[in-house]
Amino acid sequence: MEPRSSTTLVLCGKTTAENELAWRLKTKNTLKLPDDSPLDVALYSEIENRGSIGDGDVFGINSYMSFLSTSRFGKLLIYSPKLASTHDVVSKNFDELPVGAVCVADVQFKGRGRSKNLWESPKGCLLFSFTLQMEDGRVVPLVQYVVSLAMTEAINDVCRENGIAPLDVRIKWPNDLYLDGLKVGGILCTSTYKSKKFNVSAGIGLNVSNEKPTTCLNTVLQRLGCVTHQLQRGDIMAAFFNKFESFYDIFINQGFQALEELYCKTWLHSGQRIILQEKNEFEDQISENVVTIQGLTTSGYLLAVTDDGQTCELHPDGNSFDFFKGLVRRKLA
């Protein structure tokens, strides 16, 4: 039986405090993979002058750290040239990591998606997961919307900082990012309950310079006439955490309602009319009803109104890959 290949993890901190934690994680051999396969853990300070860590387009750690301006999120970085899943790394090691720690990879070959789907992501994609801890379980399902909104705003911030017109990246409810009608990214948030707190792992995949299978940010930039600048993954991730930290504080202190107006300006669905196919109580006939999306309910589902003026809440039925072909209507009082 051939020995399993080792996975490389590189640890880097924004400040002395995070670098000391990185040193302890390495020294105590604390980090683990879900399958307990071998790890090669290194400190970035030990290898940054040895040339490239990986081959070709590698994540720019120095650039990322220089643009990061947060007080909590993204300050402890775990980087890997090739990894099964960033989400699995932060979930497996949640108790060992500070809130806001992030794992990023150049290549991911067992990335996690909705309904336990696995994805292989090549170079050119921004692939990262980070840790959150929340106390109110009622708002945990809404955090994916804060993540989505922060990413769309971060992309625009990076464009503006480089003198580029903002890209019209939109949110497709509940957790996809679209550009020019094509999917360019997705968000996955999972949680476990422990010691009266919800441990949340938030993951993002974004096509920055890899145009397969749909399109990517840099391809659209070129099509718009921008040939002198390419967006970089490290810059986008730093901008994301800078924006997310601000939005997350608003979310926790004021509720998602304080962000909902901006969210609804960014998503694809305000005023969208949807045909719902619903079975009758005996499930032998299917009727079609048209509803118009108005926004989000307080629980984070779609708020819609029927043509006769009744408000309702739309839930995914869990059976359809396309949420808008698998919605279930529930009347609201």
Protein backbone atom coordinates (compact mmCIF):
# COMPACT_ATOMS: atom_id res chain seq x y z
CA MET A 1 0.00 0.00 0.00
CA GLU A 2 1.46 3.32 -1.10
CA PRO A 3 1.87 5.98 1.60
CA ARG A 4 -0.61 8.85 1.39
CA SER A 5 0.83 12.09 0.05
CA SER A 6 1.30 14.95 2.49
CA THR A 7 -0.80 18.13 2.37
CA THR A 8 1.06 21.41 2.79
CA LEU A 9 -0.36 24.06 5.10
CA VAL A 10 1.37 27.43 5.47
CA LEU A 11 0.48 29.57 8.50
CA CYS A 12 0.71 33.35 8.54
CA GLY A 13 -0.53 36.07 10.87
CA LYS A 14 -1.33 39.72 10.42
CA THR A 15 0.19 40.72 13.77
CA THR A 16 2.59 39.31 16.33
CA ALA A 17 -0.32 37.76 18.24
CA GLU A 18 -1.49 35.70 15.25
CA ASN A 19 2.06 34.71 14.34
CA GLU A 20 2.63 33.46 17.87
CA LEU A 21 -0.56 31.41 17.60
CA ALA A 22 0.63 30.06 14.24
CA TRP A 23 3.91 29.01 15.88
CA ARG A 24 2.02 27.18 18.65
CA LEU A 25 -0.21 25.40 16.14
CA LYS A 26 2.84 24.18 14.27
CA THR A 27 4.92 23.29 17.33
CA LYS A 28 2.15 21.35 19.05
CA ASN A 29 1.11 19.66 15.80
CA THR A 30 -2.45 20.73 16.52
CA LEU A 31 -3.98 20.92 13.04
CA LYS A 32 -5.61 17.82 11.56
CA LEU A 33 -7.35 16.80 8.36
CA PRO A 34 -10.71 14.99 8.45
CA ASP A 35 -9.16 11.76 7.14
CA ASP A 36 -6.07 12.12 9.38
CA SER A 37 -3.82 12.11 6.32
CA PRO A 38 -0.29 13.49 6.81
CA LEU A 39 0.33 17.22 7.03
CA ASP A 40 3.39 19.32 6.29
CA VAL A 41 2.90 22.50 8.34
CA ALA A 42 5.19 25.50 7.88
CA LEU A 43 5.30 29.11 9.00
CA TYR A 44 5.25 31.66 6.20
CA SER A 45 8.08 33.57 7.89
CA GLU A 46 10.27 30.48 7.44
CA ILE A 47 9.69 30.03 3.71
CA GLU A 48 8.73 33.42 2.23
CA ASN A 49 12.26 34.05 0.95
CA ARG A 50 12.66 30.64 -0.66
CA GLY A 51 10.79 31.48 -3.82
CA SER A 52 7.41 30.21 -4.93
CA ILE A 53 5.49 27.87 -2.64
CA GLY A 54 3.56 26.32 -5.50
CA ASP A 55 3.56 26.35 -9.28
CA GLY A 56 2.26 29.21 -11.37
CA ASP A 57 -0.47 31.48 -10.05
CA VAL A 58 -0.22 31.20 -6.26
CA PHE A 59 -2.19 33.14 -3.66
CA GLY A 60 -0.49 36.45 -2.84
CA ILE A 61 -0.05 36.28 0.93
CA ASN A 62 1.96 39.50 1.23
CA SER A 63 -0.52 41.46 -0.85
CA TYR A 64 -3.43 40.03 1.11
CA MET A 65 -1.95 40.95 4.48
CA SER A 66 -1.01 44.45 3.35
CA PHE A 67 -4.58 45.24 2.25
CA LEU A 68 -6.28 43.60 5.23
CA SER A 69 -7.47 46.19 7.79
CA THR A 70 -9.74 44.18 10.09
CA SER A 71 -9.59 43.79 13.85
CA ARG A 72 -10.85 40.17 13.94
CA PHE A 73 -11.51 38.47 10.63
CA GLY A 74 -8.91 37.03 8.29
CA LYS A 75 -5.89 37.80 10.51
CA LEU A 76 -4.77 34.18 10.92
CA LEU A 77 -4.26 32.66 7.47
CA ILE A 78 -3.88 28.99 6.57
CA TYR A 79 -2.74 28.63 2.96
CA SER A 80 -2.37 25.48 0.86
CA PRO A 81 -1.32 25.10 -2.79
CA LYS A 82 -3.62 22.07 -3.08
CA LEU A 83 -6.23 20.90 -0.65
CA ALA A 84 -9.24 18.61 -0.57
CA SER A 85 -11.49 21.23 1.04
CA THR A 86 -10.86 24.51 2.85
CA HIS A 87 -14.24 24.03 4.51
CA ASP A 88 -13.20 20.72 6.01
CA VAL A 89 -9.98 22.24 7.39
CA VAL A 90 -11.73 25.01 9.35
CA SER A 91 -14.57 22.71 10.44
CA LYS A 92 -12.23 19.96 11.65
CA ASN A 93 -9.99 22.41 13.55
CA PHE A 94 -12.64 24.85 14.74
CA ASP A 95 -11.79 24.50 18.43
CA GLU A 96 -8.09 25.15 17.77
CA LEU A 97 -8.59 28.28 15.68
CA PRO A 98 -9.59 31.82 16.67
CA VAL A 99 -12.85 33.25 15.39
CA GLY A 100 -12.18 34.73 11.97
CA ALA A 101 -9.35 32.36 11.00
CA VAL A 102 -9.32 31.67 7.27
CA CYS A 103 -8.11 28.80 5.10
CA VAL A 104 -7.42 29.47 1.41
CA ALA A 105 -6.22 27.14 -1.36
CA ASP A 106 -5.04 27.52 -4.95
CA VAL A 107 -6.62 24.21 -5.99
CA GLN A 108 -9.42 22.29 -4.30
CA PHE A 109 -10.38 18.78 -5.35
CA LYS A 110 -13.20 17.94 -2.93
CA GLY A 111 -14.82 21.31 -2.37
CA ARG A 112 -18.17 21.23 -0.66
CA GLY A 113 -21.36 22.55 -2.19
CA ARG A 114 -25.08 22.46 -1.58
CA SER A 115 -26.72 19.08 -0.87
CA LYS A 116 -23.32 17.48 -0.14
CA ASN A 117 -22.15 18.01 -3.72
CA LEU A 118 -18.38 17.82 -4.22
CA TRP A 119 -16.57 20.18 -6.59
CA GLU A 120 -13.15 20.19 -8.18
CA SER A 121 -11.84 23.74 -8.53
CA PRO A 122 -8.75 24.51 -10.63
CA LYS A 123 -6.38 27.44 -10.40
CA GLY A 124 -7.82 30.87 -10.98
CA CYS A 125 -10.57 30.46 -8.39
CA LEU A 126 -10.63 32.21 -5.02
CA LEU A 127 -11.37 29.36 -2.59
CA PHE A 128 -11.56 30.08 1.12
CA SER A 129 -13.42 29.26 4.33
CA PHE A 130 -13.42 31.03 7.68
CA THR A 131 -14.77 30.65 11.20
CA LEU A 132 -17.60 32.44 12.95
CA GLN A 133 -19.23 31.94 16.34
CA MET A 134 -22.82 33.01 17.01
CA GLU A 135 -25.17 32.74 19.96
CA ASP A 136 -28.62 33.39 18.46
CA GLY A 137 -29.64 30.39 16.38
CA ARG A 138 -32.52 32.33 14.82
CA VAL A 139 -30.14 34.52 12.80
CA VAL A 140 -27.58 31.86 11.85
CA PRO A 141 -29.38 31.09 8.54
CA LEU A 142 -29.11 34.78 7.59
CA VAL A 143 -25.33 34.99 7.82
CA GLN A 144 -24.96 33.54 4.30
CA TYR A 145 -26.70 36.66 2.99
CA VAL A 146 -24.21 38.91 4.81
CA VAL A 147 -21.36 36.88 3.26
CA SER A 148 -22.89 37.18 -0.22
CA LEU A 149 -23.43 40.91 0.11
CA ALA A 150 -19.93 41.52 1.47
CA MET A 151 -18.39 39.71 -1.50
CA THR A 152 -20.32 41.69 -4.12
CA GLU A 153 -19.34 44.94 -2.38
CA ALA A 154 -15.71 43.80 -2.01
CA ILE A 155 -15.39 43.15 -5.74
CA ASN A 156 -16.67 46.65 -6.43
CA ASP A 157 -14.28 48.14 -3.87
CA VAL A 158 -11.28 46.48 -5.56
CA CYS A 159 -12.45 47.68 -8.96
CA ARG A 160 -12.82 51.27 -7.75
CA GLU A 161 -9.44 51.23 -6.01
CA ASN A 162 -7.86 50.27 -9.33
CA GLY A 163 -9.77 52.83 -11.37
CA ILE A 164 -12.03 50.22 -12.96
CA ALA A 165 -15.78 50.50 -13.36
CA PRO A 166 -17.52 48.20 -10.83
CA LEU A 167 -18.63 44.79 -12.08
CA ASP A 168 -22.35 44.07 -11.84
CA VAL A 169 -22.05 40.92 -9.72
CA ARG A 170 -25.47 39.92 -8.44
CA ILE A 171 -26.79 37.58 -5.77
CA LYS A 172 -29.02 34.71 -6.76
CA TRP A 173 -30.89 33.66 -3.64
CA PRO A 174 -29.94 31.96 -1.49
CA ASN A 175 -26.19 31.55 -2.04
CA ASP A 176 -24.94 32.01 -5.61
CA LEU A 177 -23.15 34.90 -7.31
CA TYR A 178 -23.92 35.77 -10.94
CA LEU A 179 -22.30 38.02 -13.52
CA ASP A 180 -23.79 38.67 -16.96
CA GLY A 181 -26.36 35.96 -16.32
CA LEU A 182 -23.77 33.29 -15.54
CA LYS A 183 -22.70 31.83 -12.21
CA VAL A 184 -19.29 33.02 -11.02
CA GLY A 185 -19.39 31.99 -7.38
CA GLY A 186 -21.18 30.37 -4.50
CA ILE A 187 -21.39 30.50 -0.71
CA LEU A 188 -21.74 27.63 1.75
CA CYS A 189 -22.34 28.11 5.48
CA THR A 190 -22.56 25.17 7.87
CA SER A 191 -22.89 25.14 11.64
CA THR A 192 -22.67 22.92 14.70
CA TYR A 193 -23.96 23.65 18.19
CA LYS A 194 -21.55 23.32 21.07
CA SER A 195 -21.35 24.86 24.57
CA LYS A 196 -24.40 27.07 23.91
CA LYS A 197 -22.84 28.59 20.78
CA PHE A 198 -23.13 27.96 17.06
CA ASN A 199 -19.80 27.27 15.39
CA VAL A 200 -20.23 28.48 11.82
CA SER A 201 -17.90 27.63 8.93
CA ALA A 202 -18.43 29.99 5.99
CA GLY A 203 -17.00 29.07 2.60
CA ILE A 204 -16.74 30.97 -0.68
CA GLY A 205 -15.75 29.96 -4.18
CA LEU A 206 -15.31 32.70 -6.80
CA ASN A 207 -14.10 32.46 -10.41
CA VAL A 208 -11.56 35.27 -10.63
CA SER A 209 -9.44 34.26 -13.62
CA ASN A 210 -10.73 30.79 -14.48
CA GLU A 211 -13.51 31.14 -17.04
CA LYS A 212 -14.60 27.49 -16.97
CA PRO A 213 -17.31 26.25 -16.84
CA THR A 214 -19.12 29.59 -17.16
CA THR A 215 -17.14 32.84 -16.97
CA CYS A 216 -14.93 34.76 -14.55
CA LEU A 217 -14.37 38.30 -13.33
CA ASN A 218 -11.26 38.98 -15.42
CA THR A 219 -12.81 37.69 -18.64
CA VAL A 220 -15.71 40.10 -18.21
CA LEU A 221 -13.26 42.94 -17.43
CA GLN A 222 -11.42 42.25 -20.67
CA ARG A 223 -14.68 42.18 -22.58
CA LEU A 224 -15.52 45.59 -21.10
CA GLY A 225 -12.24 46.96 -22.45
CA CYS A 226 -10.02 46.71 -19.39
CA VAL A 227 -6.83 45.12 -20.73
CA THR A 228 -4.29 46.71 -18.38
CA HIS A 229 -5.43 45.27 -15.06
CA GLN A 230 -6.36 41.85 -13.72
CA LEU A 231 -8.10 41.34 -10.38
CA GLN A 232 -6.04 39.37 -7.87
CA ARG A 233 -7.43 36.80 -5.46
CA GLY A 234 -5.56 38.14 -2.43
CA ASP A 235 -6.84 41.68 -2.99
CA ILE A 236 -10.43 40.47 -3.29
CA MET A 237 -10.20 38.33 -0.15
CA ALA A 238 -8.73 41.21 1.88
CA ALA A 239 -11.46 43.54 0.61
CA PHE A 240 -14.04 40.90 1.49
CA PHE A 241 -12.97 40.68 5.13
CA ASN A 242 -12.71 44.47 5.41
CA LYS A 243 -16.31 44.75 4.21
CA PHE A 244 -17.63 41.67 5.99
CA GLU A 245 -16.40 42.80 9.40
CA SER A 246 -18.34 46.07 9.02
CA PHE A 247 -21.49 44.33 7.73
CA TYR A 248 -21.31 41.61 10.37
CA ASP A 249 -21.24 44.16 13.20
CA ILE A 250 -24.33 45.84 11.74
CA PHE A 251 -26.00 42.45 11.35
CA ILE A 252 -25.34 41.39 14.95
CA ASN A 253 -26.20 44.74 16.55
CA GLN A 254 -29.10 45.91 14.36
CA GLY A 255 -30.38 42.80 12.59
CA PHE A 256 -30.36 41.92 8.92
CA GLN A 257 -33.08 44.51 8.29
CA ALA A 258 -30.37 47.18 8.46
CA LEU A 259 -28.67 45.57 5.43
CA GLU A 260 -31.76 44.36 3.58
CA GLU A 261 -32.21 47.41 1.37
CA LEU A 262 -28.66 47.13 0.03
CA TYR A 263 -29.04 43.36 -0.28
CA CYS A 264 -32.21 43.70 -2.36
CA LYS A 265 -30.48 46.21 -4.63
CA THR A 266 -27.78 43.62 -5.26
CA TRP A 267 -29.85 40.49 -5.80
CA LEU A 268 -31.66 39.35 -8.94
CA HIS A 269 -35.17 38.91 -7.63
CA SER A 270 -37.04 42.08 -6.64
CA GLY A 271 -40.28 42.04 -8.63
CA GLN A 272 -39.46 38.66 -10.18
CA ARG A 273 -42.54 36.60 -11.02
CA ILE A 274 -42.36 32.88 -10.39
CA ILE A 275 -44.71 30.09 -11.41
CA LEU A 276 -45.19 27.67 -8.52
CA GLN A 277 -46.31 24.14 -9.31
CA GLU A 278 -48.24 22.85 -6.31
CA LYS A 279 -49.97 19.54 -5.67
CA ASN A 280 -53.42 19.44 -4.15
CA GLU A 281 -54.09 17.72 -0.82
CA PHE A 282 -54.58 14.36 -2.53
CA GLU A 283 -51.41 14.89 -4.60
CA ASP A 284 -53.08 13.70 -7.79
CA GLN A 285 -53.31 17.09 -9.49
CA ILE A 286 -50.82 19.93 -9.95
CA SER A 287 -51.90 23.56 -10.12
CA GLU A 288 -49.79 26.51 -11.24
CA ASN A 289 -49.85 29.77 -9.33
CA VAL A 290 -47.93 32.96 -10.07
CA VAL A 291 -46.31 34.91 -7.24
CA THR A 292 -44.16 38.04 -7.23
CA ILE A 293 -41.08 38.23 -5.01
CA GLN A 294 -41.09 41.24 -2.70
CA GLY A 295 -38.06 40.64 -0.48
CA LEU A 296 -37.08 38.46 2.47
CA THR A 297 -39.06 37.41 5.51
CA THR A 298 -37.64 37.79 9.01
CA SER A 299 -36.62 34.13 8.92
CA GLY A 300 -34.64 34.63 5.71
CA TYR A 301 -36.94 32.97 3.18
CA LEU A 302 -38.47 34.65 0.14
CA LEU A 303 -41.36 37.01 0.76
CA ALA A 304 -43.85 36.89 -2.10
CA VAL A 305 -47.35 38.06 -2.93
CA THR A 306 -49.96 36.28 -5.03
CA ASP A 307 -51.92 38.03 -7.76
CA ASP A 308 -54.90 38.24 -5.39
CA GLY A 309 -52.81 40.03 -2.75
CA GLN A 310 -52.01 37.24 -0.30
CA THR A 311 -48.51 37.30 1.19
CA CYS A 312 -46.60 34.07 1.51
CA GLU A 313 -43.18 32.69 2.34
CA LEU A 314 -41.33 30.54 -0.20
CA HIS A 315 -39.19 27.63 1.03
CA PRO A 316 -37.00 25.31 -1.09
CA ASP A 317 -38.36 21.78 -1.05
CA GLY A 318 -34.86 20.27 -0.83
CA ASN A 319 -35.37 18.12 -3.93
CA SER A 320 -34.47 20.45 -6.77
CA PHE A 321 -30.96 21.68 -7.65
CA ASP A 322 -32.54 24.87 -9.00
CA PHE A 323 -34.22 26.49 -6.00
CA PHE A 324 -36.67 28.34 -8.22
CA LYS A 325 -38.00 25.06 -9.59
CA GLY A 326 -38.43 23.60 -6.15
CA LEU A 327 -40.15 26.21 -4.02
CA VAL A 328 -42.94 25.48 -1.56
CA ARG A 329 -45.41 28.20 -0.58
CA ARG A 330 -46.44 28.81 3.02
CA LYS A 331 -49.07 31.40 3.83
CA LEU A 332 -48.17 34.18 6.23
CA ALA A 333 -50.66 35.43 8.80
